[in-house]
């Protein structure tokens, strides 16, 4: 039986996915001189998609820098940090609207408390 296609991300999560993919694209183009995403960057983008889909906060997700739950494995978190350090200043020129929404709208959103696991005692 084929695996079910995951539900598409909507709203804020879709915008965050778009921003992360844009930042990985900027990084890959500058560092790996690739027209599309190289294999390593495509793998990182896929991992970021997976983590966004599994985020326990859902639509209330804070920006990753302000999040209390670290859902990335250590090695991949460091790769994402490297991408963000490189692409962060450059994304403003290449994708100004995404950068504006991320810095002004999403960063000012209050960080929610830790989500409760289903079935956990109160």
Protein backbone atom coordinates (compact mmCIF):
# COMPACT_ATOMS: atom_id res chain seq x y z
CA UNK A 1 0.00 0.00 0.00
CA UNK A 2 1.56 3.38 -0.96
CA UNK A 3 2.36 5.86 1.79
CA UNK A 4 -0.14 8.66 2.19
CA UNK A 5 0.97 12.04 0.89
CA UNK A 6 1.47 14.40 3.86
CA UNK A 7 -0.97 17.26 4.13
CA UNK A 8 0.36 20.50 2.62
CA UNK A 9 1.60 23.12 5.02
CA UNK A 10 -0.69 26.12 5.32
CA UNK A 11 -0.46 29.68 6.59
CA UNK A 12 2.51 30.56 8.72
CA UNK A 13 4.14 27.14 8.39
CA UNK A 14 3.97 27.35 4.58
CA UNK A 15 5.59 30.80 4.72
CA UNK A 16 8.33 29.50 6.99
CA UNK A 17 8.94 26.58 4.63
CA UNK A 18 9.22 29.02 1.73
CA UNK A 19 11.70 31.18 3.67
CA UNK A 20 13.87 28.23 4.72
CA UNK A 21 13.95 26.91 1.15
CA UNK A 22 14.84 30.39 -0.16
CA UNK A 23 17.67 30.68 2.37
CA UNK A 24 19.01 27.23 1.49
CA UNK A 25 18.82 28.25 -2.18
CA UNK A 26 20.84 31.42 -1.55
CA UNK A 27 23.41 29.44 0.44
CA UNK A 28 23.71 26.68 -2.16
CA UNK A 29 24.00 29.11 -5.07
CA UNK A 30 26.73 31.12 -3.31
CA UNK A 31 28.71 28.32 -1.68
CA UNK A 32 28.20 25.36 -4.01
CA UNK A 33 27.78 27.34 -7.25
CA UNK A 34 24.72 25.30 -8.11
CA UNK A 35 21.77 26.42 -10.23
CA UNK A 36 19.32 24.31 -8.24
CA UNK A 37 19.89 22.68 -4.89
CA UNK A 38 22.82 20.28 -4.72
CA UNK A 39 22.19 16.87 -3.15
CA UNK A 40 23.33 17.93 0.34
CA UNK A 41 21.22 21.09 0.33
CA UNK A 42 18.19 19.24 -1.06
CA UNK A 43 18.55 16.74 1.78
CA UNK A 44 18.71 19.58 4.32
CA UNK A 45 15.62 21.23 2.79
CA UNK A 46 13.74 17.92 2.99
CA UNK A 47 14.73 17.52 6.63
CA UNK A 48 13.54 21.06 7.40
CA UNK A 49 10.20 20.28 5.72
CA UNK A 50 9.84 17.16 7.85
CA UNK A 51 10.60 19.04 11.06
CA UNK A 52 8.08 21.78 10.18
CA UNK A 53 5.41 19.15 9.61
CA UNK A 54 6.18 17.56 13.00
CA UNK A 55 6.35 20.81 14.97
CA UNK A 56 4.38 20.37 18.21
CA UNK A 57 3.33 24.04 18.12
CA UNK A 58 1.68 23.80 14.71
CA UNK A 59 0.40 27.15 13.46
CA UNK A 60 1.50 28.83 16.73
CA UNK A 61 5.14 27.94 16.05
CA UNK A 62 7.61 30.65 17.09
CA UNK A 63 10.71 31.38 15.05
CA UNK A 64 13.29 28.66 15.61
CA UNK A 65 15.66 31.05 17.39
CA UNK A 66 12.98 31.71 20.05
CA UNK A 67 11.64 28.16 20.29
CA UNK A 68 11.91 26.16 23.51
CA UNK A 69 11.85 22.81 21.71
CA UNK A 70 14.89 21.92 19.62
CA UNK A 71 13.59 19.47 17.05
CA UNK A 72 16.66 19.37 14.78
CA UNK A 73 19.43 16.83 15.36
CA UNK A 74 22.65 18.49 16.49
CA UNK A 75 24.60 18.05 13.23
CA UNK A 76 21.71 19.27 11.09
CA UNK A 77 20.98 22.16 13.47
CA UNK A 78 24.56 23.31 12.96
CA UNK A 79 24.15 23.07 9.16
CA UNK A 80 20.96 25.16 9.37
CA UNK A 81 22.78 27.73 11.50
CA UNK A 82 25.53 27.93 8.87
CA UNK A 83 22.88 28.49 6.18
CA UNK A 84 21.16 31.17 8.28
CA UNK A 85 24.41 33.00 9.04
CA UNK A 86 25.25 33.16 5.35
CA UNK A 87 21.80 33.72 3.84
CA UNK A 88 20.23 35.85 6.57
CA UNK A 89 21.81 39.16 5.53
CA UNK A 90 21.40 38.34 1.82
CA UNK A 91 17.76 37.26 1.94
CA UNK A 92 16.64 40.85 2.44
CA UNK A 93 17.80 41.72 -1.09
CA UNK A 94 16.60 38.56 -2.80
CA UNK A 95 13.29 38.01 -1.00
CA UNK A 96 12.43 41.27 0.80
CA UNK A 97 8.80 40.41 1.57
CA UNK A 98 9.68 37.07 3.17
CA UNK A 99 12.44 38.76 5.17
CA UNK A 100 10.06 41.49 6.32
CA UNK A 101 7.39 39.01 7.43
CA UNK A 102 9.97 36.92 9.26
CA UNK A 103 11.67 39.79 11.07
CA UNK A 104 8.71 42.04 11.80
CA UNK A 105 5.66 39.81 12.00
CA UNK A 106 6.92 36.40 13.11
CA UNK A 107 9.72 37.51 15.44
CA UNK A 108 7.28 39.65 17.46
CA UNK A 109 4.90 36.77 17.95
CA UNK A 110 4.93 35.64 21.59
CA UNK A 111 6.60 32.33 22.30
CA UNK A 112 3.96 29.82 23.41
CA UNK A 113 4.45 27.53 26.38
CA UNK A 114 5.55 23.97 25.89
CA UNK A 115 2.77 21.89 24.32
CA UNK A 116 1.32 19.04 26.32
CA UNK A 117 1.71 15.55 24.96
CA UNK A 118 -1.57 13.72 24.45
CA UNK A 119 -2.26 11.50 27.44
CA UNK A 120 0.32 13.22 29.68
CA UNK A 121 -0.79 13.97 33.24
CA UNK A 122 -1.64 17.57 34.00
